[in-house]
Amino acid sequence: MANQTRLPEISHYITSYDPSGKSTFLAAPNPPLVQMNDPSMRVDYIYSTVGSATGPVLTDLVDYKNNQDVRNTTPHIMFPLAGGSSAVVASFEPNPDPDNDTGFMHRSNTLDYVFIIDGELELTLDSGEKRVMKRGDVCVQRASQHSWKNLSKTEIARFGAVTLGIEGAKLNEMIFPGE
């Protein structure tokens, strides 16, 4: 299990509007629910929406109610169906051996917007191309085979990601090299 003191908890907030049209906050569990927790990283589930040809339905809190249902089951949605969305925060422990760590190569049928929040992460593609991404950097991943690794031996690294399911997406499907 990841060292929770090394991977500080985050908080998240969900907004909406009341019957008079004024903005308001809705209930959100803090810290967020943990989607994945292993010795080197933690993925916090933030929110997800179900697939729809017209996008999320905010009327009558339909998306919020669906999200509450998702929170009551596992696994939570990291990789949505076509037309759906998901938001997560991934936190990486310091990496004692970044030179020999290859990361975890995978892909999903999603369009991902990844925002580096803390630290430095190396993004590697199956072509062998690499980019070092630092706080404030953004990557748009278009269903590409990739891996992430923390480059620091002493500091955590963290990104936030919003994933949008594309045509052919299967719920929470991760595709590994050679599949």
N, C-alpha and C. Protein backbone atom coordinates (compact mmCIF):
# COMPACT_ATOMS: atom_id res chain seq x y z
N MET A 1 0.85 -1.18 0.00
CA MET A 1 0.00 0.00 0.00
C MET A 1 0.89 1.24 0.00
N ALA A 2 0.51 2.24 -0.76
CA ALA A 2 1.29 3.48 -0.86
C ALA A 2 1.37 4.16 0.51
N ASN A 3 2.50 4.75 0.77
CA ASN A 3 2.71 5.48 2.01
C ASN A 3 1.86 6.75 1.97
N GLN A 4 0.77 6.75 2.71
CA GLN A 4 -0.19 7.85 2.64
C GLN A 4 0.41 9.17 3.10
N THR A 5 1.46 9.15 3.94
CA THR A 5 2.07 10.40 4.34
C THR A 5 2.92 10.97 3.21
N ARG A 6 3.46 10.10 2.34
CA ARG A 6 4.23 10.56 1.19
C ARG A 6 3.32 11.04 0.06
N LEU A 7 2.14 10.49 -0.01
CA LEU A 7 1.18 10.89 -1.03
C LEU A 7 0.05 11.63 -0.34
N PRO A 8 0.21 12.94 -0.17
CA PRO A 8 -0.80 13.71 0.58
C PRO A 8 -2.18 13.59 -0.07
N GLU A 9 -3.18 13.57 0.78
CA GLU A 9 -4.55 13.50 0.30
C GLU A 9 -4.93 14.81 -0.37
N ILE A 10 -5.89 14.71 -1.27
CA ILE A 10 -6.41 15.89 -1.93
C ILE A 10 -7.86 16.08 -1.53
N SER A 11 -8.41 17.22 -1.82
CA SER A 11 -9.84 17.49 -1.64
C SER A 11 -10.42 17.85 -3.00
N HIS A 12 -11.68 17.57 -3.18
CA HIS A 12 -12.36 17.99 -4.40
C HIS A 12 -13.74 18.52 -4.05
N TYR A 13 -14.27 19.34 -4.94
CA TYR A 13 -15.55 20.01 -4.70
C TYR A 13 -16.39 19.92 -5.96
N ILE A 14 -17.68 19.79 -5.79
CA ILE A 14 -18.62 19.69 -6.91
C ILE A 14 -19.61 20.84 -6.78
N THR A 15 -19.79 21.59 -7.86
CA THR A 15 -20.72 22.72 -7.83
C THR A 15 -21.97 22.40 -8.63
N SER A 16 -23.00 23.16 -8.36
CA SER A 16 -24.24 23.06 -9.11
C SER A 16 -24.95 24.41 -8.98
N TYR A 17 -26.25 24.38 -9.05
CA TYR A 17 -27.05 25.59 -8.89
C TYR A 17 -28.34 25.21 -8.17
N ASP A 18 -28.84 26.15 -7.39
CA ASP A 18 -30.08 25.89 -6.64
C ASP A 18 -31.28 26.29 -7.51
N PRO A 19 -32.51 26.06 -7.02
CA PRO A 19 -33.71 26.37 -7.82
C PRO A 19 -33.80 27.83 -8.27
N SER A 20 -33.17 28.75 -7.54
CA SER A 20 -33.22 30.15 -7.95
C SER A 20 -32.12 30.49 -8.96
N GLY A 21 -31.29 29.50 -9.29
CA GLY A 21 -30.22 29.73 -10.26
C GLY A 21 -28.90 30.15 -9.64
N LYS A 22 -28.82 30.24 -8.32
CA LYS A 22 -27.57 30.59 -7.63
C LYS A 22 -26.66 29.37 -7.55
N SER A 23 -25.37 29.61 -7.70
CA SER A 23 -24.40 28.52 -7.59
C SER A 23 -24.31 28.02 -6.16
N THR A 24 -24.08 26.71 -6.04
CA THR A 24 -24.00 26.08 -4.72
C THR A 24 -23.06 24.88 -4.80
N PHE A 25 -22.64 24.39 -3.64
CA PHE A 25 -21.80 23.20 -3.58
C PHE A 25 -22.66 21.98 -3.26
N LEU A 26 -22.32 20.85 -3.89
CA LEU A 26 -22.96 19.58 -3.60
C LEU A 26 -22.03 18.75 -2.72
N ALA A 27 -22.56 17.71 -2.11
CA ALA A 27 -21.73 16.84 -1.27
C ALA A 27 -20.71 16.08 -2.12
N ALA A 28 -19.49 16.02 -1.62
CA ALA A 28 -18.42 15.26 -2.27
C ALA A 28 -17.56 14.66 -1.16
N PRO A 29 -17.23 13.37 -1.25
CA PRO A 29 -16.41 12.78 -0.19
C PRO A 29 -14.99 13.31 -0.26
N ASN A 30 -14.47 13.75 0.89
CA ASN A 30 -13.08 14.20 0.94
C ASN A 30 -12.37 13.46 2.06
N PRO A 31 -11.22 12.89 1.78
CA PRO A 31 -10.58 12.85 0.47
C PRO A 31 -11.42 12.03 -0.52
N PRO A 32 -11.14 12.17 -1.83
CA PRO A 32 -11.89 11.39 -2.81
C PRO A 32 -11.70 9.90 -2.59
N LEU A 33 -12.55 9.12 -3.22
CA LEU A 33 -12.43 7.67 -3.14
C LEU A 33 -11.18 7.21 -3.89
N VAL A 34 -10.51 6.22 -3.37
CA VAL A 34 -9.31 5.69 -4.01
C VAL A 34 -9.71 4.64 -5.03
N GLN A 35 -9.29 4.85 -6.28
CA GLN A 35 -9.58 3.91 -7.36
C GLN A 35 -8.52 2.81 -7.40
N MET A 36 -7.27 3.19 -7.25
CA MET A 36 -6.17 2.23 -7.33
C MET A 36 -5.13 2.63 -6.30
N ASN A 37 -4.61 1.66 -5.59
CA ASN A 37 -3.63 1.93 -4.54
C ASN A 37 -2.62 0.79 -4.56
N ASP A 38 -1.40 1.08 -4.96
CA ASP A 38 -0.36 0.06 -4.92
C ASP A 38 0.90 0.69 -4.33
N PRO A 39 1.99 -0.06 -4.20
CA PRO A 39 3.17 0.48 -3.51
C PRO A 39 3.78 1.73 -4.14
N SER A 40 3.56 1.97 -5.42
CA SER A 40 4.23 3.11 -6.05
C SER A 40 3.30 4.25 -6.45
N MET A 41 2.00 4.02 -6.43
CA MET A 41 1.10 5.09 -6.84
C MET A 41 -0.30 4.93 -6.26
N ARG A 42 -1.05 6.02 -6.34
CA ARG A 42 -2.45 6.02 -5.92
C ARG A 42 -3.24 6.81 -6.96
N VAL A 43 -4.43 6.31 -7.30
CA VAL A 43 -5.31 7.02 -8.22
C VAL A 43 -6.59 7.34 -7.47
N ASP A 44 -6.88 8.63 -7.35
CA ASP A 44 -8.10 9.09 -6.68
C ASP A 44 -9.18 9.35 -7.73
N TYR A 45 -10.35 8.75 -7.50
CA TYR A 45 -11.49 8.94 -8.39
C TYR A 45 -12.17 10.25 -8.02
N ILE A 46 -12.37 11.12 -9.02
CA ILE A 46 -12.98 12.42 -8.78
C ILE A 46 -14.45 12.45 -9.22
N TYR A 47 -14.70 12.10 -10.47
CA TYR A 47 -16.07 12.23 -11.01
C TYR A 47 -16.14 11.51 -12.35
N SER A 48 -17.33 11.12 -12.75
CA SER A 48 -17.51 10.56 -14.09
C SER A 48 -18.93 10.82 -14.57
N THR A 49 -19.09 10.77 -15.88
CA THR A 49 -20.42 10.89 -16.49
C THR A 49 -20.61 9.72 -17.45
N VAL A 50 -21.86 9.36 -17.69
CA VAL A 50 -22.15 8.26 -18.60
C VAL A 50 -22.21 8.79 -20.03
N GLY A 51 -22.02 7.88 -20.98
CA GLY A 51 -22.03 8.25 -22.38
C GLY A 51 -23.38 8.76 -22.83
N SER A 52 -23.36 9.79 -23.66
CA SER A 52 -24.58 10.37 -24.21
C SER A 52 -24.21 11.10 -25.50
N ALA A 53 -25.05 10.98 -26.50
CA ALA A 53 -24.78 11.65 -27.77
C ALA A 53 -24.80 13.17 -27.62
N THR A 54 -25.51 13.67 -26.60
CA THR A 54 -25.62 15.12 -26.42
C THR A 54 -24.76 15.65 -25.28
N GLY A 55 -24.00 14.76 -24.63
CA GLY A 55 -23.16 15.19 -23.51
C GLY A 55 -23.86 14.98 -22.18
N PRO A 56 -23.18 15.30 -21.08
CA PRO A 56 -23.77 15.09 -19.75
C PRO A 56 -25.06 15.88 -19.56
N VAL A 57 -26.02 15.27 -18.88
CA VAL A 57 -27.30 15.91 -18.57
C VAL A 57 -27.19 16.47 -17.16
N LEU A 58 -27.18 17.80 -17.02
CA LEU A 58 -27.09 18.44 -15.71
C LEU A 58 -28.46 18.72 -15.10
N THR A 59 -29.50 18.72 -15.94
CA THR A 59 -30.86 18.99 -15.45
C THR A 59 -31.25 17.97 -14.40
N ASP A 60 -31.87 18.45 -13.33
CA ASP A 60 -32.34 17.60 -12.24
C ASP A 60 -31.22 16.75 -11.62
N LEU A 61 -29.98 17.21 -11.74
CA LEU A 61 -28.82 16.54 -11.14
C LEU A 61 -28.62 15.12 -11.65
N VAL A 62 -29.03 14.85 -12.88
CA VAL A 62 -28.91 13.49 -13.44
C VAL A 62 -27.46 13.01 -13.39
N ASP A 63 -26.51 13.84 -13.81
CA ASP A 63 -25.11 13.42 -13.81
C ASP A 63 -24.61 13.17 -12.39
N TYR A 64 -25.00 14.02 -11.45
CA TYR A 64 -24.57 13.89 -10.05
C TYR A 64 -25.12 12.59 -9.44
N LYS A 65 -26.40 12.30 -9.71
CA LYS A 65 -27.01 11.08 -9.19
C LYS A 65 -26.32 9.84 -9.79
N ASN A 66 -26.02 9.89 -11.09
CA ASN A 66 -25.30 8.78 -11.71
C ASN A 66 -23.92 8.62 -11.08
N ASN A 67 -23.26 9.75 -10.82
CA ASN A 67 -21.93 9.70 -10.21
C ASN A 67 -22.01 9.10 -8.80
N GLN A 68 -23.04 9.43 -8.04
CA GLN A 68 -23.20 8.85 -6.70
C GLN A 68 -23.36 7.33 -6.80
N ASP A 69 -24.10 6.86 -7.81
CA ASP A 69 -24.24 5.41 -8.00
C ASP A 69 -22.88 4.78 -8.31
N VAL A 70 -22.09 5.43 -9.15
CA VAL A 70 -20.76 4.92 -9.50
C VAL A 70 -19.88 4.86 -8.26
N ARG A 71 -19.97 5.86 -7.39
CA ARG A 71 -19.14 5.88 -6.18
C ARG A 71 -19.47 4.73 -5.24
N ASN A 72 -20.67 4.18 -5.35
CA ASN A 72 -21.08 3.09 -4.47
C ASN A 72 -20.68 1.72 -5.01
N THR A 73 -20.04 1.66 -6.16
CA THR A 73 -19.59 0.40 -6.73
C THR A 73 -18.11 0.51 -7.08
N THR A 74 -17.45 -0.61 -7.21
CA THR A 74 -16.06 -0.61 -7.68
C THR A 74 -15.94 -1.62 -8.80
N PRO A 75 -15.06 -1.43 -9.73
CA PRO A 75 -14.18 -0.26 -9.78
C PRO A 75 -14.94 0.98 -10.23
N HIS A 76 -14.46 2.12 -9.81
CA HIS A 76 -15.03 3.38 -10.26
C HIS A 76 -14.58 3.59 -11.71
N ILE A 77 -15.18 4.53 -12.40
CA ILE A 77 -14.87 4.71 -13.81
C ILE A 77 -13.60 5.54 -13.99
N MET A 78 -12.59 4.92 -14.59
CA MET A 78 -11.37 5.63 -14.98
C MET A 78 -11.36 5.84 -16.49
N PHE A 79 -11.84 4.83 -17.22
CA PHE A 79 -11.87 4.88 -18.68
C PHE A 79 -13.32 4.66 -19.10
N PRO A 80 -14.03 5.73 -19.51
CA PRO A 80 -15.47 5.65 -19.78
C PRO A 80 -15.81 5.10 -21.16
N LEU A 81 -17.07 4.77 -21.31
CA LEU A 81 -17.61 4.39 -22.62
C LEU A 81 -17.64 5.61 -23.53
N ALA A 82 -17.86 5.38 -24.82
CA ALA A 82 -17.95 6.47 -25.79
C ALA A 82 -18.96 7.51 -25.32
N GLY A 83 -18.58 8.76 -25.36
CA GLY A 83 -19.46 9.86 -24.96
C GLY A 83 -19.45 10.15 -23.48
N GLY A 84 -18.79 9.30 -22.67
CA GLY A 84 -18.70 9.53 -21.23
C GLY A 84 -17.40 10.21 -20.87
N SER A 85 -17.28 10.61 -19.61
CA SER A 85 -16.07 11.27 -19.14
C SER A 85 -15.70 10.77 -17.75
N SER A 86 -14.46 10.97 -17.39
CA SER A 86 -13.99 10.62 -16.05
C SER A 86 -12.88 11.58 -15.68
N ALA A 87 -12.75 11.85 -14.38
CA ALA A 87 -11.66 12.67 -13.88
C ALA A 87 -11.00 11.93 -12.71
N VAL A 88 -9.67 11.88 -12.74
CA VAL A 88 -8.89 11.25 -11.68
C VAL A 88 -7.67 12.11 -11.38
N VAL A 89 -7.07 11.84 -10.22
CA VAL A 89 -5.76 12.40 -9.88
C VAL A 89 -4.86 11.22 -9.57
N ALA A 90 -3.72 11.12 -10.26
CA ALA A 90 -2.76 10.03 -10.03
C ALA A 90 -1.55 10.60 -9.31
N SER A 91 -1.17 9.97 -8.20
CA SER A 91 -0.03 10.39 -7.40
C SER A 91 1.01 9.28 -7.38
N PHE A 92 2.26 9.65 -7.64
CA PHE A 92 3.36 8.69 -7.75
C PHE A 92 4.34 8.89 -6.60
N GLU A 93 4.69 7.80 -5.93
CA GLU A 93 5.71 7.84 -4.89
C GLU A 93 7.05 8.24 -5.50
N PRO A 94 7.99 8.72 -4.66
CA PRO A 94 9.35 8.90 -5.16
C PRO A 94 9.83 7.57 -5.75
N ASN A 95 10.65 7.65 -6.77
CA ASN A 95 11.10 6.46 -7.50
C ASN A 95 12.55 6.16 -7.13
N PRO A 96 12.82 5.11 -6.36
CA PRO A 96 14.18 4.84 -5.93
C PRO A 96 15.14 4.51 -7.06
N ASP A 97 14.61 4.09 -8.22
CA ASP A 97 15.49 3.70 -9.33
C ASP A 97 14.91 4.14 -10.67
N PRO A 98 14.81 5.47 -10.90
CA PRO A 98 14.18 5.93 -12.14
C PRO A 98 14.91 5.51 -13.40
N ASP A 99 16.22 5.24 -13.31
CA ASP A 99 16.97 4.85 -14.50
C ASP A 99 16.59 3.46 -15.00
N ASN A 100 16.15 2.59 -14.10
CA ASN A 100 15.81 1.21 -14.48
C ASN A 100 14.32 0.93 -14.48
N ASP A 101 13.50 1.93 -14.18
CA ASP A 101 12.05 1.77 -14.17
C ASP A 101 11.52 2.12 -15.55
N THR A 102 10.74 1.21 -16.15
CA THR A 102 10.20 1.48 -17.49
C THR A 102 8.79 2.04 -17.44
N GLY A 103 8.17 2.03 -16.27
CA GLY A 103 6.78 2.47 -16.19
C GLY A 103 5.84 1.35 -16.59
N PHE A 104 4.57 1.67 -16.70
CA PHE A 104 3.51 0.69 -16.93
C PHE A 104 2.86 1.01 -18.28
N MET A 105 3.25 0.28 -19.34
CA MET A 105 2.79 0.55 -20.70
C MET A 105 1.36 0.06 -20.89
N HIS A 106 0.49 0.96 -21.39
CA HIS A 106 -0.91 0.65 -21.60
C HIS A 106 -1.55 1.72 -22.48
N ARG A 107 -2.78 1.47 -22.88
CA ARG A 107 -3.59 2.48 -23.55
C ARG A 107 -5.05 2.18 -23.30
N SER A 108 -5.89 3.14 -23.63
CA SER A 108 -7.34 2.97 -23.54
C SER A 108 -7.97 3.70 -24.71
N ASN A 109 -9.18 3.35 -25.05
CA ASN A 109 -9.90 4.04 -26.12
C ASN A 109 -10.54 5.30 -25.56
N THR A 110 -9.65 6.23 -25.21
CA THR A 110 -10.08 7.50 -24.64
C THR A 110 -9.21 8.62 -25.19
N LEU A 111 -9.76 9.81 -25.14
CA LEU A 111 -9.02 11.03 -25.39
C LEU A 111 -8.76 11.61 -24.01
N ASP A 112 -7.48 11.74 -23.64
CA ASP A 112 -7.11 12.13 -22.28
C ASP A 112 -6.45 13.50 -22.28
N TYR A 113 -6.89 14.35 -21.37
CA TYR A 113 -6.24 15.63 -21.11
C TYR A 113 -5.54 15.47 -19.77
N VAL A 114 -4.21 15.49 -19.78
CA VAL A 114 -3.41 15.22 -18.58
C VAL A 114 -2.66 16.49 -18.19
N PHE A 115 -2.83 16.91 -16.93
CA PHE A 115 -2.24 18.15 -16.42
C PHE A 115 -1.28 17.79 -15.28
N ILE A 116 -0.01 18.13 -15.44
CA ILE A 116 0.97 17.83 -14.39
C ILE A 116 0.79 18.85 -13.27
N ILE A 117 0.55 18.34 -12.05
CA ILE A 117 0.28 19.18 -10.88
C ILE A 117 1.54 19.38 -10.05
N ASP A 118 2.28 18.30 -9.81
CA ASP A 118 3.50 18.34 -9.00
C ASP A 118 4.56 17.44 -9.61
N GLY A 119 5.81 17.83 -9.42
CA GLY A 119 6.93 16.98 -9.79
C GLY A 119 7.21 16.93 -11.26
N GLU A 120 7.99 15.90 -11.63
CA GLU A 120 8.36 15.65 -13.02
C GLU A 120 8.05 14.20 -13.35
N LEU A 121 7.33 14.01 -14.43
CA LEU A 121 6.98 12.68 -14.89
C LEU A 121 7.51 12.49 -16.30
N GLU A 122 8.02 11.30 -16.57
CA GLU A 122 8.44 10.98 -17.92
C GLU A 122 7.32 10.21 -18.60
N LEU A 123 6.89 10.71 -19.75
CA LEU A 123 5.88 10.06 -20.57
C LEU A 123 6.61 9.35 -21.70
N THR A 124 6.46 8.02 -21.77
CA THR A 124 7.12 7.23 -22.80
C THR A 124 6.05 6.60 -23.69
N LEU A 125 6.26 6.67 -25.01
CA LEU A 125 5.37 6.04 -25.98
C LEU A 125 5.98 4.73 -26.44
N ASP A 126 5.16 3.83 -26.99
CA ASP A 126 5.69 2.53 -27.42
C ASP A 126 6.66 2.66 -28.59
N SER A 127 6.71 3.82 -29.23
CA SER A 127 7.70 4.05 -30.29
C SER A 127 9.09 4.29 -29.71
N GLY A 128 9.14 4.51 -28.39
CA GLY A 128 10.41 4.83 -27.73
C GLY A 128 10.57 6.32 -27.49
N GLU A 129 9.70 7.14 -28.10
CA GLU A 129 9.78 8.58 -27.86
C GLU A 129 9.41 8.89 -26.42
N LYS A 130 10.08 9.91 -25.85
CA LYS A 130 9.86 10.28 -24.46
C LYS A 130 9.77 11.79 -24.34
N ARG A 131 9.03 12.24 -23.33
CA ARG A 131 8.97 13.65 -22.96
C ARG A 131 9.00 13.73 -21.44
N VAL A 132 9.79 14.67 -20.93
CA VAL A 132 9.77 14.96 -19.50
C VAL A 132 8.76 16.08 -19.30
N MET A 133 7.77 15.82 -18.48
CA MET A 133 6.71 16.79 -18.24
C MET A 133 6.83 17.31 -16.82
N LYS A 134 6.75 18.63 -16.69
CA LYS A 134 6.90 19.30 -15.40
C LYS A 134 5.61 20.00 -15.00
N ARG A 135 5.55 20.41 -13.74
CA ARG A 135 4.37 21.10 -13.22
C ARG A 135 3.91 22.17 -14.21
N GLY A 136 2.63 22.14 -14.53
CA GLY A 136 2.04 23.10 -15.46
C GLY A 136 1.98 22.60 -16.89
N ASP A 137 2.71 21.53 -17.22
CA ASP A 137 2.67 20.98 -18.58
C ASP A 137 1.37 20.20 -18.79
N VAL A 138 0.96 20.11 -20.05
CA VAL A 138 -0.27 19.42 -20.42
C VAL A 138 0.01 18.49 -21.59
N CYS A 139 -0.58 17.31 -21.55
CA CYS A 139 -0.48 16.37 -22.66
C CYS A 139 -1.89 15.99 -23.10
N VAL A 140 -2.11 15.95 -24.40
CA VAL A 140 -3.35 15.43 -24.96
C VAL A 140 -3.01 14.05 -25.52
N GLN A 141 -3.52 13.02 -24.88
CA GLN A 141 -3.26 11.65 -25.30
C GLN A 141 -4.44 11.15 -26.12
N ARG A 142 -4.16 10.75 -27.33
CA ARG A 142 -5.19 10.32 -28.26
C ARG A 142 -5.14 8.81 -28.43
N ALA A 143 -5.57 8.08 -27.39
CA ALA A 143 -5.62 6.61 -27.41
C ALA A 143 -4.25 6.00 -27.71
N SER A 144 -3.20 6.64 -27.24
CA SER A 144 -1.84 6.16 -27.51
C SER A 144 -1.34 5.21 -26.44
N GLN A 145 -0.50 4.25 -26.86
CA GLN A 145 0.17 3.34 -25.93
C GLN A 145 1.24 4.16 -25.20
N HIS A 146 1.24 4.13 -23.87
CA HIS A 146 2.13 5.01 -23.12
C HIS A 146 2.40 4.46 -21.72
N SER A 147 3.41 5.03 -21.09
CA SER A 147 3.66 4.76 -19.68
C SER A 147 4.13 6.04 -19.01
N TRP A 148 3.93 6.10 -17.70
CA TRP A 148 4.36 7.24 -16.88
C TRP A 148 5.32 6.74 -15.82
N LYS A 149 6.34 7.55 -15.50
CA LYS A 149 7.16 7.23 -14.34
C LYS A 149 7.65 8.51 -13.70
N ASN A 150 7.75 8.48 -12.38
CA ASN A 150 8.28 9.59 -11.60
C ASN A 150 9.79 9.59 -11.76
N LEU A 151 10.35 10.74 -12.09
CA LEU A 151 11.80 10.84 -12.28
C LEU A 151 12.57 11.17 -11.00
N SER A 152 11.87 11.49 -9.93
CA SER A 152 12.54 11.90 -8.70
C SER A 152 12.71 10.74 -7.72
N LYS A 153 13.88 10.69 -7.09
CA LYS A 153 14.14 9.69 -6.05
C LYS A 153 13.59 10.16 -4.70
N THR A 154 13.26 11.46 -4.57
CA THR A 154 12.90 12.00 -3.26
C THR A 154 11.54 12.70 -3.21
N GLU A 155 10.98 13.10 -4.34
CA GLU A 155 9.74 13.88 -4.37
C GLU A 155 8.62 13.12 -5.05
N ILE A 156 7.39 13.36 -4.59
CA ILE A 156 6.24 12.77 -5.27
C ILE A 156 6.01 13.50 -6.60
N ALA A 157 5.22 12.88 -7.47
CA ALA A 157 4.76 13.51 -8.71
C ALA A 157 3.27 13.23 -8.80
N ARG A 158 2.55 14.15 -9.44
CA ARG A 158 1.09 14.03 -9.48
C ARG A 158 0.55 14.64 -10.76
N PHE A 159 -0.44 13.97 -11.35
CA PHE A 159 -1.17 14.59 -12.46
C PHE A 159 -2.66 14.44 -12.26
N GLY A 160 -3.40 15.35 -12.89
CA GLY A 160 -4.85 15.26 -12.98
C GLY A 160 -5.19 14.91 -14.41
N ALA A 161 -6.19 14.08 -14.61
CA ALA A 161 -6.56 13.69 -15.98
C ALA A 161 -8.08 13.68 -16.14
N VAL A 162 -8.51 14.18 -17.28
CA VAL A 162 -9.90 14.07 -17.70
C VAL A 162 -9.88 13.17 -18.93
N THR A 163 -10.65 12.08 -18.89
CA THR A 163 -10.69 11.15 -20.01
C THR A 163 -12.08 11.17 -20.62
N LEU A 164 -12.11 11.16 -21.94
CA LEU A 164 -13.36 11.14 -22.70
C LEU A 164 -13.39 9.85 -23.51
N GLY A 165 -14.44 9.06 -23.35
CA GLY A 165 -14.55 7.82 -24.11
C GLY A 165 -14.77 8.09 -25.59
N ILE A 166 -14.06 7.34 -26.43
CA ILE A 166 -14.19 7.50 -27.88
C ILE A 166 -14.88 6.26 -28.46
N GLU A 167 -15.17 6.31 -29.74
CA GLU A 167 -15.80 5.18 -30.41
C GLU A 167 -15.00 3.90 -30.16
N GLY A 168 -15.69 2.85 -29.80
CA GLY A 168 -15.05 1.57 -29.54
C GLY A 168 -14.60 1.38 -28.09
N ALA A 169 -14.80 2.39 -27.25
CA ALA A 169 -14.38 2.29 -25.85
C ALA A 169 -15.20 1.24 -25.11
N LYS A 170 -14.51 0.51 -24.24
CA LYS A 170 -15.16 -0.43 -23.33
C LYS A 170 -14.89 0.07 -21.92
N LEU A 171 -15.86 -0.06 -21.05
CA LEU A 171 -15.76 0.48 -19.71
C LEU A 171 -14.51 -0.04 -18.98
N ASN A 172 -13.67 0.90 -18.54
CA ASN A 172 -12.46 0.62 -17.76
C ASN A 172 -11.48 -0.31 -18.45
N GLU A 173 -11.55 -0.39 -19.78
CA GLU A 173 -10.64 -1.26 -20.51
C GLU A 173 -9.25 -0.64 -20.61
N MET A 174 -8.25 -1.42 -20.24
CA MET A 174 -6.86 -1.05 -20.46
C MET A 174 -6.28 -2.06 -21.44
N ILE A 175 -5.66 -1.53 -22.49
CA ILE A 175 -5.11 -2.39 -23.54
C ILE A 175 -3.60 -2.39 -23.39
N PHE A 176 -3.02 -3.57 -23.36
CA PHE A 176 -1.58 -3.71 -23.13
C PHE A 176 -0.87 -4.01 -24.44
N PRO A 177 0.43 -3.73 -24.53
CA PRO A 177 1.17 -3.98 -25.77
C PRO A 177 0.94 -5.41 -26.27
N GLY A 178 0.74 -5.52 -27.57
CA GLY A 178 0.54 -6.84 -28.19
C GLY A 178 -0.90 -7.29 -28.21
N GLU A 179 -1.80 -6.54 -27.56
CA GLU A 179 -3.22 -6.94 -27.58
C GLU A 179 -3.91 -6.34 -28.78
